[in-house]
Amino acid sequence: QVQLVDYGGGLVQAGGSLRLSCTASGRTYSNYAMAWFRQAPGKERELVAAISWSGAITWYEDSVKDRFTITRDNAKHTVTLQMYSLKTEDTAIYYCAQRRVTNDRMPSATEYDSWGQGTQVTVSS
């Protein structure tokens, strides 16, 4: 069984930066896609960014394009979300997620089946 631990959240002023990280442990699969989701109070969880097994394919939700960057280190079983130019609307609990894949593809948002515990990001005005 895979355990995901995500961390790095905190309180930051609008315009600031944060770096979220997620480490997988336990029975880690050799091929898996990784993603970051977020859930704001009163809203549904949404996919923010995703990265394929090789790292060659990335995807970003429109509101974070050009502000967030997702990367991964397969040797260390980690995925990172670097967030710049944060806005108050980025305030949410951020979760990393994982999905085993059979090729270097990007799963749909509903396919992710392993989750971190979440880390709170609060952006103040």
Protein backbone atom coordinates (compact mmCIF):
# COMPACT_ATOMS: atom_id res chain seq x y z
CA GLN A 1 0.00 0.00 0.00
CA VAL A 2 1.22 3.46 -0.90
CA GLN A 3 1.35 6.26 1.61
CA LEU A 4 1.57 9.83 0.43
CA VAL A 5 2.72 12.59 2.74
CA ASP A 6 2.28 16.13 1.53
CA TYR A 7 3.70 19.18 3.27
CA GLY A 8 4.90 22.73 2.76
CA GLY A 9 1.71 24.70 3.17
CA GLY A 10 1.42 27.80 5.27
CA LEU A 11 0.30 31.41 5.47
CA VAL A 12 1.58 33.81 2.85
CA GLN A 13 0.64 37.26 1.62
CA ALA A 14 -0.82 37.76 -1.81
CA GLY A 15 1.93 37.87 -4.38
CA GLY A 16 4.12 35.56 -2.36
CA SER A 17 5.36 32.05 -3.05
CA LEU A 18 5.11 28.61 -1.50
CA ARG A 19 6.54 25.24 -2.36
CA LEU A 20 4.54 22.11 -1.68
CA SER A 21 6.12 18.67 -1.66
CA CYS A 22 4.77 15.14 -1.55
CA THR A 23 6.70 11.98 -0.80
CA ALA A 24 5.48 8.47 -1.53
CA SER A 25 6.49 5.55 0.65
CA GLY A 26 5.52 1.97 1.14
CA ARG A 27 4.78 -0.12 -1.90
CA THR A 28 5.67 2.45 -4.54
CA TYR A 29 4.88 1.54 -8.12
CA SER A 30 7.37 1.96 -10.87
CA ASN A 31 4.98 3.82 -13.15
CA TYR A 32 2.59 6.32 -11.73
CA ALA A 33 1.18 9.70 -12.59
CA MET A 34 1.12 12.37 -9.88
CA ALA A 35 -1.12 15.35 -9.33
CA TRP A 36 -2.07 18.13 -6.97
CA PHE A 37 -5.69 18.84 -6.12
CA ARG A 38 -7.13 21.55 -3.91
CA GLN A 39 -10.35 22.09 -2.04
CA ALA A 40 -11.47 25.48 -0.82
CA PRO A 41 -14.18 25.88 1.84
CA GLY A 42 -17.60 25.26 0.37
CA LYS A 43 -16.20 24.16 -2.97
CA GLU A 44 -15.56 20.86 -4.65
CA ARG A 45 -12.08 19.44 -4.91
CA GLU A 46 -10.43 20.41 -8.17
CA LEU A 47 -7.42 19.23 -10.10
CA VAL A 48 -4.75 21.92 -10.14
CA ALA A 49 -1.74 20.34 -11.84
CA ALA A 50 -0.62 16.92 -12.99
CA ILE A 51 2.53 15.30 -14.29
CA SER A 52 3.03 12.05 -16.15
CA TRP A 53 5.35 9.25 -15.07
CA SER A 54 8.29 10.47 -17.12
CA GLY A 55 7.65 14.12 -16.39
CA ALA A 56 7.36 14.80 -20.11
CA ILE A 57 3.67 15.70 -19.91
CA THR A 58 2.23 18.30 -17.56
CA TRP A 59 -1.19 19.84 -17.23
CA TYR A 60 -2.39 22.92 -15.36
CA GLU A 61 -5.76 24.32 -14.51
CA ASP A 62 -6.26 27.61 -16.33
CA SER A 63 -6.19 29.83 -13.25
CA VAL A 64 -2.74 28.62 -12.21
CA LYS A 65 -1.01 28.47 -15.57
CA ASP A 66 2.17 30.57 -15.61
CA ARG A 67 2.08 30.77 -11.79
CA PHE A 68 2.44 27.14 -10.66
CA THR A 69 5.02 24.57 -11.72
CA ILE A 70 4.80 20.84 -11.04
CA THR A 71 7.94 18.71 -11.09
CA ARG A 72 8.91 15.26 -9.92
CA ASP A 73 11.95 13.28 -8.83
CA ASN A 74 11.32 9.60 -9.48
CA ALA A 75 14.45 8.49 -7.68
CA LYS A 76 13.17 10.12 -4.50
CA HIS A 77 9.48 9.36 -5.12
CA THR A 78 8.60 13.01 -4.69
CA VAL A 79 6.49 15.53 -6.51
CA THR A 80 6.67 19.26 -5.96
CA LEU A 81 4.32 22.15 -6.68
CA GLN A 82 6.07 25.50 -6.82
CA MET A 83 3.54 28.30 -6.49
CA TYR A 84 4.31 31.90 -7.40
CA SER A 85 2.24 35.09 -7.44
CA LEU A 86 -0.26 33.57 -5.04
CA LYS A 87 -3.74 35.03 -4.90
CA THR A 88 -6.34 34.95 -2.15
CA GLU A 89 -8.41 32.62 -4.31
CA ASP A 90 -5.60 30.04 -4.11
CA THR A 91 -6.48 29.52 -0.44
CA ALA A 92 -7.40 25.86 0.01
CA ILE A 93 -6.26 22.52 1.34
CA TYR A 94 -3.90 21.02 -1.21
CA TYR A 95 -3.66 17.26 -1.69
CA CYS A 96 -1.20 15.25 -3.68
CA ALA A 97 -2.53 12.21 -5.47
CA GLN A 98 -1.18 9.26 -7.38
CA ARG A 99 -2.38 6.80 -9.99
CA ARG A 100 -0.54 3.80 -11.37
CA VAL A 101 -0.40 3.89 -15.15
CA THR A 102 0.62 1.42 -17.83
CA ASN A 103 2.04 4.04 -20.15
CA ASP A 104 3.22 7.63 -19.97
CA ARG A 105 -0.25 9.14 -20.01
CA MET A 106 -2.20 11.67 -18.00
CA PRO A 107 -5.09 10.10 -16.06
CA SER A 108 -8.39 11.89 -15.76
CA ALA A 109 -9.12 13.63 -12.48
CA THR A 110 -11.40 10.83 -11.29
CA GLU A 111 -8.77 8.11 -11.77
CA TYR A 112 -6.43 9.14 -8.97
CA ASP A 113 -6.78 6.69 -6.11
CA SER A 114 -4.07 7.37 -3.54
CA TRP A 115 -4.10 10.60 -1.55
CA GLY A 116 -2.01 12.57 0.84
CA GLN A 117 -3.46 13.95 4.05
CA GLY A 118 -3.56 17.51 2.74
CA THR A 119 -1.69 20.67 3.58
CA GLN A 120 -3.32 24.04 4.18
CA VAL A 121 -2.40 27.01 2.01
CA THR A 122 -3.73 30.37 3.17
CA VAL A 123 -3.13 33.50 1.12
CA SER A 124 -3.91 36.78 2.86
CA SER A 125 -4.68 40.06 1.15
